[in-house]
Amino acid sequence: MWVYPRPPRLETTTALLEVWLGGVVVASTRDGWRVLETSHPPTYYLPHEAFAPGVLRAAEGSSYCEWKGRAAYYDLLSGGVVAPRAAWTYPQPTPGFEPIVHALAVMPALVERCAVDGETVVPQAGGFYGGWVTSRVAGPFKGEPGSMGW
């Protein structure tokens, strides 16, 4: 969304956020957050307690976001299915992003389904970004062909 700010803005959401893996809902909440950033669809964060017991397994590696800080990764597990490094969190987020400490974002392309208020999201293109594309947002978005230099 080109109307979203830079630097990004964090806001709460009461939309129903759901994640499916292994044929079941593994995370669900109406107490989430979304990060709004220029040229990206929203990235949604769910509180740690929104995930079913046993679904999260700490994974190797980290990455760095200039806005939110160093991310740690989790595999998601359900019904014999493993989604490697499908979720990430900020154990020590930068100023302004403290509310999402230990909340998790999920890469929709790596799980069966993510939904916002019942609408199945389309994963943000490019394989790197974690945005959730719904009918409420319009692109083009970073990650799509031709957006490398944005």
Protein backbone atom coordinates (compact mmCIF):
# COMPACT_ATOMS: atom_id res chain seq x y z
CA MET A 1 0.00 0.00 0.00
CA TRP A 2 1.48 3.27 -1.05
CA VAL A 3 -0.52 5.17 1.58
CA TYR A 4 1.17 3.25 4.42
CA PRO A 5 3.92 5.14 6.26
CA ARG A 6 7.70 4.92 6.23
CA PRO A 7 8.95 4.23 8.82
CA PRO A 8 6.24 1.64 9.40
CA ARG A 9 3.44 2.00 11.92
CA LEU A 10 2.28 -0.61 14.43
CA GLU A 11 -1.40 -0.77 15.27
CA THR A 12 -3.67 -3.15 17.15
CA THR A 13 -6.38 -5.11 15.37
CA THR A 14 -9.46 -6.96 16.55
CA ALA A 15 -9.83 -8.78 13.24
CA LEU A 16 -9.99 -12.55 13.62
CA LEU A 17 -6.51 -13.80 12.68
CA GLU A 18 -6.18 -17.53 12.03
CA VAL A 19 -3.41 -19.89 10.92
CA TRP A 20 -3.95 -23.49 9.67
CA LEU A 21 -1.41 -26.29 9.46
CA GLY A 22 -1.91 -30.06 9.34
CA GLY A 23 -5.63 -29.62 8.71
CA VAL A 24 -6.37 -27.68 11.90
CA VAL A 25 -6.31 -24.14 13.23
CA VAL A 26 -3.00 -23.82 15.09
CA ALA A 27 -3.37 -20.15 16.05
CA SER A 28 -6.34 -17.85 16.49
CA THR A 29 -6.84 -14.41 18.05
CA ARG A 30 -8.77 -11.16 17.98
CA ASP A 31 -5.98 -9.47 19.95
CA GLY A 32 -3.33 -9.00 17.29
CA TRP A 33 -1.25 -6.28 15.72
CA ARG A 34 -0.43 -5.30 12.19
CA VAL A 35 2.58 -3.49 10.82
CA LEU A 36 1.82 -1.08 8.00
CA GLU A 37 4.74 -0.13 5.77
CA THR A 38 4.95 1.65 2.42
CA SER A 39 4.74 -0.76 -0.55
CA HIS A 40 3.83 -3.77 1.65
CA PRO A 41 0.56 -5.43 2.57
CA PRO A 42 0.06 -5.65 6.35
CA THR A 43 2.15 -8.10 8.34
CA TYR A 44 0.08 -9.51 11.20
CA TYR A 45 1.44 -10.48 14.63
CA LEU A 46 -0.37 -12.87 16.96
CA PRO A 47 0.32 -13.13 20.69
CA HIS A 48 2.33 -16.17 21.72
CA GLU A 49 -0.66 -17.51 23.65
CA ALA A 50 -2.76 -17.54 20.44
CA PHE A 51 -0.80 -20.63 19.32
CA ALA A 52 -1.91 -24.10 20.35
CA PRO A 53 0.36 -25.95 22.79
CA GLY A 54 3.18 -27.83 21.07
CA VAL A 55 2.85 -25.96 17.76
CA LEU A 56 5.96 -23.79 18.15
CA ARG A 57 9.54 -25.07 18.05
CA ALA A 58 12.51 -22.69 18.21
CA ALA A 59 14.47 -22.72 14.94
CA GLU A 60 18.04 -21.84 14.06
CA GLY A 61 19.07 -18.49 12.66
CA SER A 62 17.98 -14.88 12.86
CA SER A 63 17.51 -11.86 10.64
CA TYR A 64 17.56 -8.12 11.15
CA CYS A 65 14.88 -5.55 10.36
CA GLU A 66 15.95 -1.92 10.29
CA TRP A 67 12.64 -0.98 11.94
CA LYS A 68 11.93 -3.77 14.44
CA GLY A 69 15.36 -5.22 15.32
CA ARG A 70 16.69 -8.80 15.40
CA ALA A 71 14.16 -11.56 14.69
CA ALA A 72 14.20 -15.11 16.03
CA TYR A 73 12.46 -17.93 14.12
CA TYR A 74 10.14 -20.81 14.92
CA ASP A 75 9.08 -23.92 13.07
CA LEU A 76 5.36 -24.66 13.20
CA LEU A 77 4.27 -28.28 13.78
CA SER A 78 0.84 -29.87 13.51
CA GLY A 79 -0.63 -33.18 12.41
CA GLY A 80 2.76 -34.54 11.37
CA VAL A 81 3.42 -31.47 9.20
CA VAL A 82 6.44 -29.23 9.84
CA ALA A 83 6.61 -25.69 8.42
CA PRO A 84 10.29 -24.75 8.86
CA ARG A 85 10.98 -21.17 10.00
CA ALA A 86 7.38 -20.23 9.22
CA ALA A 87 7.06 -17.83 12.18
CA TRP A 88 9.25 -15.12 13.64
CA THR A 89 9.32 -12.87 16.67
CA TYR A 90 11.26 -9.93 18.08
CA PRO A 91 12.53 -10.81 21.59
CA GLN A 92 13.88 -7.26 22.02
CA PRO A 93 12.05 -5.01 19.56
CA THR A 94 13.22 -1.49 18.85
CA PRO A 95 11.45 1.55 20.38
CA GLY A 96 7.91 1.88 19.08
CA PHE A 97 7.52 -1.86 18.53
CA GLU A 98 7.64 -2.97 22.17
CA PRO A 99 3.98 -4.17 22.13
CA ILE A 100 4.92 -7.06 19.82
CA VAL A 101 7.66 -8.44 22.07
CA HIS A 102 7.32 -12.25 21.75
CA ALA A 103 4.30 -11.94 19.42
CA LEU A 104 4.71 -13.99 16.25
CA ALA A 105 4.20 -13.25 12.59
CA VAL A 106 3.55 -16.14 10.21
CA MET A 107 4.70 -16.48 6.60
CA PRO A 108 1.44 -17.40 4.85
CA ALA A 109 3.23 -19.13 1.95
CA LEU A 110 4.68 -21.70 4.39
CA VAL A 111 1.45 -22.86 6.03
CA GLU A 112 -1.83 -24.28 4.73
CA ARG A 113 -3.87 -21.16 5.23
CA CYS A 114 -3.90 -17.79 6.97
CA ALA A 115 -7.09 -15.77 7.22
CA VAL A 116 -8.28 -12.34 8.32
CA ASP A 117 -11.93 -12.31 9.41
CA GLY A 118 -12.49 -15.53 7.47
CA GLU A 119 -10.90 -14.32 4.23
CA THR A 120 -8.02 -16.51 3.08
CA VAL A 121 -4.98 -14.34 2.48
CA VAL A 122 -2.68 -14.43 -0.51
CA PRO A 123 1.00 -14.51 0.50
CA GLN A 124 3.06 -11.45 -0.36
CA ALA A 125 5.13 -12.30 -3.43
CA GLY A 126 8.86 -12.81 -3.42
CA GLY A 127 9.33 -15.52 -0.80
CA PHE A 128 10.95 -13.17 1.73
CA TYR A 129 8.24 -10.82 2.98
CA GLY A 130 5.47 -11.89 5.34
CA GLY A 131 2.60 -9.66 4.25
CA TRP A 132 -0.97 -10.93 4.21
CA VAL A 133 -2.80 -9.76 1.06
CA THR A 134 -6.59 -9.49 1.38
CA SER A 135 -9.28 -7.84 -0.72
CA ARG A 136 -8.97 -4.80 1.59
CA VAL A 137 -5.53 -3.83 0.25
CA ALA A 138 -4.34 -2.98 -3.26
CA GLY A 139 -0.83 -3.29 -4.75
CA PRO A 140 1.52 -3.36 -6.37
CA PHE A 141 3.60 -4.67 -3.46
CA LYS A 142 7.30 -5.08 -2.87
CA GLY A 143 8.32 -8.62 -3.79
CA GLU A 144 6.44 -8.70 -7.07
CA PRO A 145 8.40 -8.91 -10.34
CA GLY A 146 10.06 -5.57 -11.11
CA SER A 147 10.03 -4.34 -7.49
CA MET A 148 13.64 -5.20 -6.61
CA GLY A 149 14.83 -1.58 -6.70
CA TRP A 150 12.01 -0.10 -4.62
